[in-house]
Amino acid sequence: MQIHRMFFLVVITCIGMLLTPEEQQRKATPTPTPQKNPGVVNQAQPYPNQQTKPVAPAQTRPGLPGQIQIASAEQNKAVVRRVFDDLFSRGRYEFIDQIYAKDCPVHFGNRNTRLEQAVAEGKGWRSASPDLLMMVNRIEVERDFVIVDWTAKGTNTGKGNGVPATGKRILIRGNSKFRVLNGKIVEVWNNFDRDEIFRQVGVPPKLGHLYDGTQDFLFALNQVFSNQVFSNQVFSN
């Protein structure tokens, strides 16, 4: 009985010795943790040596052909300055078509004139005062309007605009507003004391107004005559 018991213990001991290395190897090897979503990469952890590419800034598309470009304030100022520098101060009236639109109206209080009449008046003042100098004291831009405070000075040594040559000095201050569109002046508002000019040269203001009225009438008559001639030419053709 004891012999059988001893034989049974030896068999169990041998079996335990054979299974022990395999069990120890199983315990030494860590069991991998299964992923919940296989095939999905964790976006919070970048791959090794991964570099983030810089994002290029957005580029502005060029303007389409024929698209109207809005002029800058400085460009509009430059157009208006030519009125005082090229036309009034230097008498370069050949630049009128570059500065003014053809149908540009000119307002002076309740008096409205066409560009041709305003230019003729400007030439008259230069004829009465050949050394006429127009100075820009202040120039500002509001949207497509250019506002100018100016000073005009000269010597009345010639004849023009109904004023005889008196040799007297002229000093006038005023302001003008110009509307500029597509690089040209399309409308003008002038404000200055015209009577003061006549007083400074010794001409009664009433005589000056009479001259203005006569010039307005002659200009209107000339316009009617020109339109009539144009109509006759059109119908005759």
C-alpha atoms as a PDB file:
ATOM      1  CA  MET A   1       0.000   0.000   0.000  1.00  0.00           C
ATOM      2  CA  GLN A   2       2.814   2.377   0.848  1.00  0.00           C
ATOM      3  CA  ILE A   3       4.617   1.385  -2.342  1.00  0.00           C
ATOM      4  CA  HIS A   4       1.600   2.393  -4.444  1.00  0.00           C
ATOM      5  CA  ARG A   5       1.300   5.629  -2.572  1.00  0.00           C
ATOM      6  CA  MET A   6       4.972   6.509  -3.152  1.00  0.00           C
ATOM      7  CA  PHE A   7       4.690   5.633  -6.864  1.00  0.00           C
ATOM      8  CA  PHE A   8       1.706   7.934  -7.256  1.00  0.00           C
ATOM      9  CA  LEU A   9       3.560  10.888  -5.620  1.00  0.00           C
ATOM     10  CA  VAL A  10       6.559  10.379  -7.933  1.00  0.00           C
ATOM     11  CA  VAL A  11       4.308  10.482 -11.010  1.00  0.00           C
ATOM     12  CA  ILE A  12       2.582  13.681  -9.868  1.00  0.00           C
ATOM     13  CA  THR A  13       5.944  15.322  -9.111  1.00  0.00           C
ATOM     14  CA  CYS A  14       7.285  14.510 -12.614  1.00  0.00           C
ATOM     15  CA  ILE A  15       4.171  15.887 -14.278  1.00  0.00           C
ATOM     16  CA  GLY A  16       4.507  19.135 -12.224  1.00  0.00           C
ATOM     17  CA  MET A  17       8.132  19.539 -13.259  1.00  0.00           C
ATOM     18  CA  LEU A  18       7.201  19.180 -16.965  1.00  0.00           C
ATOM     19  CA  LEU A  19       4.409  21.793 -16.827  1.00  0.00           C
ATOM     20  CA  THR A  20       6.266  24.418 -14.751  1.00  0.00           C
ATOM     21  CA  PRO A  21       8.551  25.949 -17.534  1.00  0.00           C
ATOM     22  CA  GLU A  22       5.591  26.382 -19.891  1.00  0.00           C
ATOM     23  CA  GLU A  23       3.493  28.061 -17.204  1.00  0.00           C
ATOM     24  CA  GLN A  24       6.363  30.354 -16.213  1.00  0.00           C
ATOM     25  CA  GLN A  25       6.854  31.443 -19.847  1.00  0.00           C
ATOM     26  CA  ARG A  26       3.143  32.229 -20.118  1.00  0.00           C
ATOM     27  CA  LYS A  27       3.260  34.448 -17.012  1.00  0.00           C
ATOM     28  CA  ALA A  28       6.423  36.279 -18.191  1.00  0.00           C
ATOM     29  CA  THR A  29       4.854  37.259 -21.558  1.00  0.00           C
ATOM     30  CA  PRO A  30       2.453  40.266 -21.185  1.00  0.00           C
ATOM     31  CA  THR A  31      -0.947  39.839 -22.674  1.00  0.00           C
ATOM     32  CA  PRO A  32      -1.551  42.526 -25.385  1.00  0.00           C
ATOM     33  CA  THR A  33      -4.447  44.895 -24.785  1.00  0.00           C
ATOM     34  CA  PRO A  34      -6.992  44.564 -27.576  1.00  0.00           C
ATOM     35  CA  GLN A  35      -7.952  47.757 -29.481  1.00  0.00           C
ATOM     36  CA  LYS A  36     -11.541  48.766 -29.351  1.00  0.00           C
ATOM     37  CA  ASN A  37     -11.587  49.963 -33.004  1.00  0.00           C
ATOM     38  CA  PRO A  38      -8.944  48.058 -34.988  1.00  0.00           C
ATOM     39  CA  GLY A  39      -7.571  49.963 -37.970  1.00  0.00           C
ATOM     40  CA  VAL A  40      -8.318  53.435 -36.544  1.00  0.00           C
ATOM     41  CA  VAL A  41      -5.252  55.574 -35.849  1.00  0.00           C
ATOM     42  CA  ASN A  42      -5.296  57.867 -32.811  1.00  0.00           C
ATOM     43  CA  GLN A  43      -5.276  61.381 -34.304  1.00  0.00           C
ATOM     44  CA  ALA A  44      -3.952  62.955 -31.099  1.00  0.00           C
ATOM     45  CA  GLN A  45      -0.598  61.160 -31.450  1.00  0.00           C
ATOM     46  CA  PRO A  46       1.301  62.045 -34.665  1.00  0.00           C
ATOM     47  CA  TYR A  47       3.511  59.592 -36.444  1.00  0.00           C
ATOM     48  CA  PRO A  48       7.248  59.802 -35.703  1.00  0.00           C
ATOM     49  CA  ASN A  49       9.137  62.418 -37.769  1.00  0.00           C
ATOM     50  CA  GLN A  50       5.835  63.872 -38.976  1.00  0.00           C
ATOM     51  CA  GLN A  51       6.157  67.576 -39.945  1.00  0.00           C
ATOM     52  CA  THR A  52       3.286  70.010 -40.183  1.00  0.00           C
ATOM     53  CA  LYS A  53       3.243  71.878 -43.498  1.00  0.00           C
ATOM     54  CA  PRO A  54       2.760  75.667 -43.268  1.00  0.00           C
ATOM     55  CA  VAL A  55      -0.549  76.935 -44.611  1.00  0.00           C
ATOM     56  CA  ALA A  56      -0.091  79.363 -47.508  1.00  0.00           C
ATOM     57  CA  PRO A  57      -1.920  82.728 -47.152  1.00  0.00           C
ATOM     58  CA  ALA A  58      -4.954  83.335 -49.318  1.00  0.00           C
ATOM     59  CA  GLN A  59      -4.180  85.124 -52.573  1.00  0.00           C
ATOM     60  CA  THR A  60      -6.275  87.967 -53.984  1.00  0.00           C
ATOM     61  CA  ARG A  61      -7.650  87.428 -57.441  1.00  0.00           C
ATOM     62  CA  PRO A  62      -6.667  90.042 -60.031  1.00  0.00           C
ATOM     63  CA  GLY A  63      -9.383  92.344 -61.296  1.00  0.00           C
ATOM     64  CA  LEU A  64     -11.343  91.296 -64.324  1.00  0.00           C
ATOM     65  CA  PRO A  65     -10.673  93.045 -67.650  1.00  0.00           C
ATOM     66  CA  GLY A  66     -12.864  96.108 -68.095  1.00  0.00           C
ATOM     67  CA  GLN A  67     -13.727  96.289 -64.409  1.00  0.00           C
ATOM     68  CA  ILE A  68     -14.013  99.850 -63.035  1.00  0.00           C
ATOM     69  CA  GLN A  69     -11.128 100.592 -60.691  1.00  0.00           C
ATOM     70  CA  ILE A  70     -11.784 103.013 -57.859  1.00  0.00           C
ATOM     71  CA  ALA A  71      -9.189 105.792 -57.889  1.00  0.00           C
ATOM     72  CA  SER A  72      -7.292 106.521 -54.716  1.00  0.00           C
ATOM     73  CA  ALA A  73      -7.633 109.791 -52.805  1.00  0.00           C
ATOM     74  CA  GLU A  74      -4.157 110.870 -53.921  1.00  0.00           C
ATOM     75  CA  GLN A  75      -4.998 110.263 -57.588  1.00  0.00           C
ATOM     76  CA  ASN A  76      -8.106 112.458 -57.313  1.00  0.00           C
ATOM     77  CA  LYS A  77      -6.073 115.154 -55.543  1.00  0.00           C
ATOM     78  CA  ALA A  78      -3.508 115.101 -58.348  1.00  0.00           C
ATOM     79  CA  VAL A  79      -6.238 115.688 -60.962  1.00  0.00           C
ATOM     80  CA  VAL A  80      -7.634 118.697 -59.066  1.00  0.00           C
ATOM     81  CA  ARG A  81      -4.204 120.199 -58.422  1.00  0.00           C
ATOM     82  CA  ARG A  82      -3.705 120.441 -62.179  1.00  0.00           C
ATOM     83  CA  VAL A  83      -6.596 122.947 -62.279  1.00  0.00           C
ATOM     84  CA  PHE A  84      -4.615 125.348 -60.105  1.00  0.00           C
ATOM     85  CA  ASP A  85      -1.113 124.547 -61.363  1.00  0.00           C
ATOM     86  CA  ASP A  86      -1.550 123.927 -65.099  1.00  0.00           C
ATOM     87  CA  LEU A  87      -4.655 125.959 -65.973  1.00  0.00           C
ATOM     88  CA  PHE A  88      -4.890 129.005 -63.693  1.00  0.00           C
ATOM     89  CA  SER A  89      -1.241 129.530 -62.723  1.00  0.00           C
ATOM     90  CA  ARG A  90       0.467 128.509 -66.003  1.00  0.00           C
ATOM     91  CA  GLY A  91      -2.338 129.044 -68.497  1.00  0.00           C
ATOM     92  CA  ARG A  92      -1.856 125.569 -70.029  1.00  0.00           C
ATOM     93  CA  TYR A  93      -5.411 125.309 -71.362  1.00  0.00           C
ATOM     94  CA  GLU A  94      -4.413 122.611 -73.855  1.00  0.00           C
ATOM     95  CA  PHE A  95      -4.706 120.176 -70.925  1.00  0.00           C
ATOM     96  CA  ILE A  96      -8.423 120.842 -70.377  1.00  0.00           C
ATOM     97  CA  ASP A  97      -9.544 117.630 -72.094  1.00  0.00           C
ATOM     98  CA  GLN A  98      -7.194 115.653 -69.841  1.00  0.00           C
ATOM     99  CA  ILE A  99      -8.575 117.234 -66.655  1.00  0.00           C
ATOM    100  CA  TYR A 100     -12.303 117.789 -67.282  1.00  0.00           C
ATOM    101  CA  ALA A 101     -15.071 115.636 -68.717  1.00  0.00           C
ATOM    102  CA  LYS A 102     -16.526 117.217 -71.835  1.00  0.00           C
ATOM    103  CA  ASP A 103     -20.007 117.881 -70.376  1.00  0.00           C
ATOM    104  CA  CYS A 104     -18.787 119.049 -66.937  1.00  0.00           C
ATOM    105  CA  PRO A 105     -21.159 121.687 -65.426  1.00  0.00           C
ATOM    106  CA  VAL A 106     -19.747 124.513 -63.290  1.00  0.00           C
ATOM    107  CA  HIS A 107     -21.860 126.085 -60.509  1.00  0.00           C
ATOM    108  CA  PHE A 108     -21.355 129.452 -58.862  1.00  0.00           C
ATOM    109  CA  GLY A 109     -24.143 130.152 -56.382  1.00  0.00           C
ATOM    110  CA  ASN A 110     -27.364 130.299 -58.425  1.00  0.00           C
ATOM    111  CA  ARG A 111     -25.391 130.712 -61.636  1.00  0.00           C
ATOM    112  CA  ASN A 112     -24.826 127.534 -63.633  1.00  0.00           C
ATOM    113  CA  THR A 113     -22.507 127.503 -66.609  1.00  0.00           C
ATOM    114  CA  ARG A 114     -21.099 124.999 -69.041  1.00  0.00           C
ATOM    115  CA  LEU A 115     -17.445 124.062 -69.083  1.00  0.00           C
ATOM    116  CA  GLU A 116     -16.719 126.153 -72.197  1.00  0.00           C
ATOM    117  CA  GLN A 117     -18.097 129.288 -70.549  1.00  0.00           C
ATOM    118  CA  ALA A 118     -16.191 128.668 -67.300  1.00  0.00           C
ATOM    119  CA  VAL A 119     -12.962 128.184 -69.256  1.00  0.00           C
ATOM    120  CA  ALA A 120     -13.554 131.429 -71.176  1.00  0.00           C
ATOM    121  CA  GLU A 121     -14.045 133.243 -67.870  1.00  0.00           C
ATOM    122  CA  GLY A 122     -10.849 131.746 -66.484  1.00  0.00           C
ATOM    123  CA  LYS A 123      -8.951 132.933 -69.534  1.00  0.00           C
ATOM    124  CA  GLY A 124     -10.493 136.396 -69.023  1.00  0.00           C
ATOM    125  CA  TRP A 125      -9.131 136.627 -65.480  1.00  0.00           C
ATOM    126  CA  ARG A 126      -5.680 135.576 -66.667  1.00  0.00           C
ATOM    127  CA  SER A 127      -5.869 138.251 -69.353  1.00  0.00           C
ATOM    128  CA  ALA A 128      -6.783 140.877 -66.723  1.00  0.00           C
ATOM    129  CA  SER A 129      -4.013 139.623 -64.427  1.00  0.00           C
ATOM    130  CA  PRO A 130      -1.220 137.928 -66.443  1.00  0.00           C
ATOM    131  CA  ASP A 131       0.766 137.158 -63.269  1.00  0.00           C
ATOM    132  CA  LEU A 132      -2.211 135.385 -61.673  1.00  0.00           C
ATOM    133  CA  LEU A 133      -1.151 132.750 -59.148  1.00  0.00           C
ATOM    134  CA  MET A 134      -3.551 130.231 -57.610  1.00  0.00           C
ATOM    135  CA  MET A 135      -2.374 128.639 -54.364  1.00  0.00           C
ATOM    136  CA  VAL A 136      -3.936 125.595 -52.692  1.00  0.00           C
ATOM    137  CA  ASN A 137      -4.233 126.224 -48.949  1.00  0.00           C
ATOM    138  CA  ARG A 138      -6.087 123.044 -48.003  1.00  0.00           C
ATOM    139  CA  ILE A 139      -7.202 119.995 -49.966  1.00  0.00           C
ATOM    140  CA  GLU A 140      -9.348 117.153 -48.643  1.00  0.00           C
ATOM    141  CA  VAL A 141     -11.118 114.145 -50.135  1.00  0.00           C
ATOM    142  CA  GLU A 142     -14.595 112.885 -49.270  1.00  0.00           C
ATOM    143  CA  ARG A 143     -15.510 109.816 -51.328  1.00  0.00           C
ATOM    144  CA  ASP A 144     -15.320 111.034 -54.962  1.00  0.00           C
ATOM    145  CA  PHE A 145     -15.299 114.750 -53.997  1.00  0.00           C
ATOM    146  CA  VAL A 146     -12.182 116.901 -53.623  1.00  0.00           C
ATOM    147  CA  ILE A 147     -12.600 120.092 -51.550  1.00  0.00           C
ATOM    148  CA  VAL A 148     -10.047 122.883 -51.914  1.00  0.00           C
ATOM    149  CA  ASP A 149      -9.496 126.137 -50.037  1.00  0.00           C
ATOM    150  CA  TRP A 150      -7.472 128.438 -52.280  1.00  0.00           C
ATOM    151  CA  THR A 151      -5.977 131.909 -52.583  1.00  0.00           C
ATOM    152  CA  ALA A 152      -5.646 133.872 -55.854  1.00  0.00           C
ATOM    153  CA  LYS A 153      -3.358 136.858 -56.237  1.00  0.00           C
ATOM    154  CA  GLY A 154      -2.070 138.925 -59.120  1.00  0.00           C
ATOM    155  CA  THR A 155      -1.804 142.372 -60.643  1.00  0.00           C
ATOM    156  CA  ASN A 156      -4.495 143.932 -62.861  1.00  0.00           C
ATOM    157  CA  THR A 157      -2.222 145.020 -65.708  1.00  0.00           C
ATOM    158  CA  GLY A 158      -4.424 143.790 -68.565  1.00  0.00           C
ATOM    159  CA  LYS A 159      -8.042 143.724 -69.718  1.00  0.00           C
ATOM    160  CA  GLY A 160     -10.459 140.861 -69.247  1.00  0.00           C
ATOM    161  CA  ASN A 161     -13.979 139.989 -68.053  1.00  0.00           C
ATOM    162  CA  GLY A 162     -15.053 143.629 -68.379  1.00  0.00           C
ATOM    163  CA  VAL A 163     -12.242 144.851 -66.127  1.00  0.00           C
ATOM    164  CA  PRO A 164      -9.899 147.568 -67.520  1.00  0.00           C
ATOM    165  CA  ALA A 165      -6.197 147.631 -66.720  1.00  0.00           C
ATOM    166  CA  THR A 166      -5.796 149.533 -63.430  1.00  0.00           C
ATOM    167  CA  GLY A 167      -2.431 148.256 -62.195  1.00  0.00           C
ATOM    168  CA  LYS A 168      -3.970 147.345 -58.825  1.00  0.00           C
ATOM    169  CA  ARG A 169      -3.199 144.232 -56.813  1.00  0.00           C
ATOM    170  CA  ILE A 170      -5.817 141.482 -56.447  1.00  0.00           C
ATOM    171  CA  LEU A 171      -6.068 139.079 -53.498  1.00  0.00           C
ATOM    172  CA  ILE A 172      -9.067 136.741 -53.319  1.00  0.00           C
ATOM    173  CA  ARG A 173      -9.787 133.710 -51.128  1.00  0.00           C
ATOM    174  CA  GLY A 174     -12.367 131.080 -51.923  1.00  0.00           C
ATOM    175  CA  ASN A 175     -13.141 127.383 -52.002  1.00  0.00           C
ATOM    176  CA  SER A 176     -14.184 124.899 -54.647  1.00  0.00           C
ATOM    177  CA  LYS A 177     -15.586 121.376 -54.668  1.00  0.00           C
ATOM    178  CA  PHE A 178     -14.783 119.003 -57.501  1.00  0.00           C
ATOM    179  CA  ARG A 179     -16.415 115.673 -58.263  1.00  0.00           C
ATOM    180  CA  VAL A 180     -13.907 113.318 -59.870  1.00  0.00           C
ATOM    181  CA  LEU A 181     -14.860 110.172 -61.749  1.00  0.00           C
ATOM    182  CA  ASN A 182     -12.591 107.885 -63.795  1.00  0.00           C
ATOM    183  CA  GLY A 183      -9.679 110.312 -63.506  1.00  0.00           C
ATOM    184  CA  LYS A 184     -11.557 113.421 -64.719  1.00  0.00           C
ATOM    185  CA  ILE A 185     -13.549 116.235 -63.120  1.00  0.00           C
ATOM    186  CA  VAL A 186     -17.257 115.794 -63.906  1.00  0.00           C
ATOM    187  CA  GLU A 187     -18.788 118.660 -61.853  1.00  0.00           C
ATOM    188  CA  VAL A 188     -17.569 121.808 -60.060  1.00  0.00           C
ATOM    189  CA  TRP A 189     -18.941 124.130 -57.372  1.00  0.00           C
ATOM    190  CA  ASN A 190     -17.091 127.441 -56.907  1.00  0.00           C
ATOM    191  CA  ASN A 191     -17.539 129.822 -54.000  1.00  0.00           C
ATOM    192  CA  PHE A 192     -15.783 133.206 -53.758  1.00  0.00           C
ATOM    193  CA  ASP A 193     -16.695 136.886 -53.445  1.00  0.00           C
ATOM    194  CA  ARG A 194     -16.794 138.035 -57.052  1.00  0.00           C
ATOM    195  CA  ASP A 195     -17.836 141.551 -56.042  1.00  0.00           C
ATOM    196  CA  GLU A 196     -14.610 141.851 -54.033  1.00  0.00           C
ATOM    197  CA  ILE A 197     -12.595 141.429 -57.235  1.00  0.00           C
ATOM    198  CA  PHE A 198     -14.404 144.375 -58.838  1.00  0.00           C
ATOM    199  CA  ARG A 199     -13.979 146.482 -55.717  1.00  0.00           C
ATOM    200  CA  GLN A 200     -10.231 145.787 -55.572  1.00  0.00           C
ATOM    201  CA  VAL A 201      -9.697 146.879 -59.190  1.00  0.00           C
ATOM    202  CA  GLY A 202     -11.997 149.896 -58.794  1.00  0.00           C
ATOM    203  CA  VAL A 203     -14.939 148.658 -60.893  1.00  0.00           C
ATOM    204  CA  PRO A 204     -18.511 149.012 -59.500  1.00  0.00           C
ATOM    205  CA  PRO A 205     -19.912 145.506 -58.745  1.00  0.00           C
ATOM    206  CA  LYS A 206     -23.130 146.368 -60.612  1.00  0.00           C
ATOM    207  CA  LEU A 207     -21.096 146.937 -63.748  1.00  0.00           C
ATOM    208  CA  GLY A 208     -19.432 143.581 -63.197  1.00  0.00           C
ATOM    209  CA  HIS A 209     -22.814 141.838 -62.845  1.00  0.00           C
ATOM    210  CA  LEU A 210     -24.003 143.553 -66.010  1.00  0.00           C
ATOM    211  CA  TYR A 211     -20.999 142.184 -67.824  1.00  0.00           C
ATOM    212  CA  ASP A 212     -21.695 138.659 -66.453  1.00  0.00           C
ATOM    213  CA  GLY A 213     -25.321 138.880 -67.593  1.00  0.00           C
ATOM    214  CA  THR A 214     -24.284 139.985 -71.053  1.00  0.00           C
ATOM    215  CA  GLN A 215     -21.754 137.164 -71.341  1.00  0.00           C
ATOM    216  CA  ASP A 216     -24.321 134.583 -70.201  1.00  0.00           C
ATOM    217  CA  PHE A 217     -26.787 135.835 -72.812  1.00  0.00           C
ATOM    218  CA  LEU A 218     -24.204 135.804 -75.596  1.00  0.00           C
ATOM    219  CA  PHE A 219     -23.082 132.317 -74.651  1.00  0.00           C
ATOM    220  CA  ALA A 220     -26.659 130.998 -74.608  1.00  0.00           C
ATOM    221  CA  LEU A 221     -27.305 132.659 -77.973  1.00  0.00           C
ATOM    222  CA  ASN A 222     -24.175 131.079 -79.380  1.00  0.00           C
ATOM    223  CA  GLN A 223     -25.268 127.662 -78.120  1.00  0.00           C
ATOM    224  CA  VAL A 224     -28.661 128.034 -79.798  1.00  0.00           C
ATOM    225  CA  PHE A 225     -27.017 129.099 -83.051  1.00  0.00           C
ATOM    226  CA  SER A 226     -24.526 126.209 -82.893  1.00  0.00           C
ATOM    227  CA  ASN A 227     -27.290 123.670 -82.243  1.00  0.00           C
ATOM    228  CA  GLN A 228     -29.336 125.078 -85.145  1.00  0.00           C
ATOM    229  CA  VAL A 229     -26.383 124.808 -87.530  1.00  0.00           C
ATOM    230  CA  PHE A 230     -25.746 121.241 -86.369  1.00  0.00           C
ATOM    231  CA  SER A 231     -29.404 120.279 -86.909  1.00  0.00           C
ATOM    232  CA  ASN A 232     -29.398 121.746 -90.427  1.00  0.00           C
ATOM    233  CA  GLN A 233     -26.278 119.778 -91.285  1.00  0.00           C
ATOM    234  CA  VAL A 234     -27.803 116.536 -90.025  1.00  0.00           C
ATOM    235  CA  PHE A 235     -31.054 116.987 -91.979  1.00  0.00           C
ATOM    236  CA  SER A 236     -29.191 118.089 -95.118  1.00  0.00           C
ATOM    237  CA  ASN A 237     -27.158 114.884 -95.083  1.00  0.00           C
END
